[in-house]
Amino acid sequence: MNLDLFEQRYELFELIWTYLSAKGEPSKALEEMYGNSVHKASFIFGEEIGIYMTANISKRYDLKTAMRTLSITPHDAPNRKQVEKECADLSQYWLDELGRLRNRFAPYMAFAEWR
């Protein structure tokens, strides 16, 4: 039972890692697989991870919106620098989360402690 739970958790961890690695630009298939896994993750890990995954989806849409806004904002527009900063901050989010992911999941993946 514990091994099966560990394997399911690791599979979801890999999915989240792959989603974050896409840096806000996942393929359609990855986006669907990730979105469809939120409820499973909430069940297997607890609500905290489901909320985290949902927040990542929101960040992806925030980045998409910011990039679209940047593409239509003239270079001499007064708010151009602000839009550029928003895009940079949202792009940095993905790198920061990748760096924190192992620590975030460490309590759930300590297989040695399950014996």
Protein backbone atom coordinates (compact mmCIF):
# COMPACT_ATOMS: atom_id res chain seq x y z
CA MET A 1 0.00 0.00 0.00
CA ASN A 2 2.75 2.49 0.94
CA LEU A 3 4.74 1.73 -2.20
CA ASP A 4 1.68 2.30 -4.37
CA LEU A 5 0.99 5.64 -2.67
CA PHE A 6 4.63 6.64 -3.09
CA GLU A 7 4.52 5.77 -6.80
CA GLN A 8 1.34 7.78 -7.31
CA ARG A 9 2.83 10.73 -5.46
CA TYR A 10 6.04 10.54 -7.47
CA GLU A 11 4.06 10.43 -10.72
CA LEU A 12 2.23 13.61 -9.73
CA PHE A 13 5.49 15.23 -8.61
CA GLU A 14 6.96 14.53 -12.06
CA LEU A 15 3.88 16.02 -13.72
CA ILE A 16 4.18 19.18 -11.64
CA TRP A 17 7.92 19.36 -12.37
CA THR A 18 7.21 19.06 -16.10
CA TYR A 19 4.49 21.71 -15.93
CA LEU A 20 6.76 24.15 -14.10
CA SER A 21 9.60 23.38 -16.51
CA ALA A 22 7.39 24.60 -19.37
CA LYS A 23 7.80 28.07 -17.78
CA GLY A 24 4.21 29.10 -18.30
CA GLU A 25 3.97 27.76 -21.84
CA PRO A 26 2.89 24.10 -21.56
CA SER A 27 1.67 22.14 -24.54
CA LYS A 28 -2.09 21.73 -24.79
CA ALA A 29 -1.76 18.05 -23.81
CA LEU A 30 0.36 18.89 -20.75
CA GLU A 31 -2.03 21.66 -19.73
CA GLU A 32 -5.01 19.29 -19.90
CA MET A 33 -3.19 16.50 -18.04
CA TYR A 34 -2.10 18.95 -15.33
CA GLY A 35 -5.55 20.49 -14.93
CA ASN A 36 -7.19 17.06 -14.78
CA SER A 37 -4.78 15.99 -12.02
CA VAL A 38 -5.60 18.72 -9.52
CA HIS A 39 -8.34 16.73 -7.76
CA LYS A 40 -6.20 13.59 -7.66
CA ALA A 41 -3.34 15.56 -6.13
CA SER A 42 -5.67 17.05 -3.52
CA PHE A 43 -6.77 13.54 -2.59
CA ILE A 44 -3.29 11.95 -2.56
CA PHE A 45 -1.29 14.82 -1.04
CA GLY A 46 -3.91 16.93 0.67
CA GLU A 47 -5.69 20.15 -0.19
CA GLU A 48 -2.48 22.22 0.06
CA ILE A 49 -1.03 20.67 -3.12
CA GLY A 50 -4.30 20.99 -5.02
CA ILE A 51 -4.39 24.68 -4.13
CA TYR A 52 -0.75 25.00 -5.20
CA MET A 53 -1.48 23.39 -8.57
CA THR A 54 -4.49 25.66 -9.10
CA ALA A 55 -2.31 28.69 -8.26
CA ASN A 56 0.15 27.56 -10.95
CA ILE A 57 -2.67 27.43 -13.49
CA SER A 58 -3.68 30.97 -12.50
CA LYS A 59 -0.07 32.15 -12.85
CA ARG A 60 0.06 30.63 -16.32
CA TYR A 61 -3.00 32.66 -17.36
CA ASP A 62 -1.57 35.77 -15.70
CA LEU A 63 1.62 35.35 -17.74
CA LYS A 64 -0.33 34.74 -20.93
CA THR A 65 -2.38 37.90 -20.32
CA ALA A 66 0.71 39.96 -19.48
CA MET A 67 2.51 38.75 -22.60
CA ARG A 68 -0.50 39.59 -24.74
CA THR A 69 -0.69 43.05 -23.13
CA LEU A 70 3.02 43.56 -23.77
CA SER A 71 2.64 42.61 -27.43
CA ILE A 72 0.05 45.34 -27.99
CA THR A 73 1.62 48.02 -25.78
CA PRO A 74 3.55 50.58 -27.84
CA HIS A 75 7.25 50.89 -26.98
CA ASP A 76 6.79 54.54 -26.03
CA ALA A 77 3.68 53.98 -23.89
CA PRO A 78 3.93 55.33 -20.32
CA ASN A 79 3.03 51.93 -18.83
CA ARG A 80 5.42 49.90 -21.03
CA LYS A 81 8.06 49.49 -18.29
CA GLN A 82 5.41 48.34 -15.82
CA VAL A 83 4.10 45.73 -18.28
CA GLU A 84 7.65 44.55 -19.02
CA LYS A 85 8.32 44.18 -15.28
CA GLU A 86 5.11 42.22 -14.80
CA CYS A 87 6.13 39.84 -17.59
CA ALA A 88 9.62 39.46 -16.13
CA ASP A 89 8.25 38.80 -12.63
CA LEU A 90 5.77 36.22 -13.90
CA SER A 91 8.48 34.52 -15.97
CA GLN A 92 10.74 34.40 -12.91
CA TYR A 93 7.96 32.71 -10.93
CA TRP A 94 8.45 29.47 -12.86
CA LEU A 95 12.19 29.37 -12.19
CA ASP A 96 11.67 30.17 -8.51
CA GLU A 97 9.04 27.44 -8.14
CA LEU A 98 11.27 24.87 -9.82
CA GLY A 99 13.93 25.70 -7.24
CA ARG A 100 11.48 25.23 -4.36
CA LEU A 101 9.65 22.17 -5.65
CA ARG A 102 11.75 19.46 -4.00
CA ASN A 103 11.50 21.13 -0.60
CA ARG A 104 7.76 21.62 -1.02
CA PHE A 105 7.30 17.89 -1.68
CA ALA A 106 9.93 16.52 0.70
CA PRO A 107 7.43 15.81 3.52
CA TYR A 108 5.31 13.73 1.15
CA MET A 109 8.14 11.82 -0.49
CA ALA A 110 10.17 10.63 2.51
CA PHE A 111 9.74 6.95 1.61
CA ALA A 112 12.36 5.78 4.11
CA GLU A 113 10.18 7.04 6.96
CA TRP A 114 7.21 4.90 5.85
CA ARG A 115 8.86 1.62 6.78
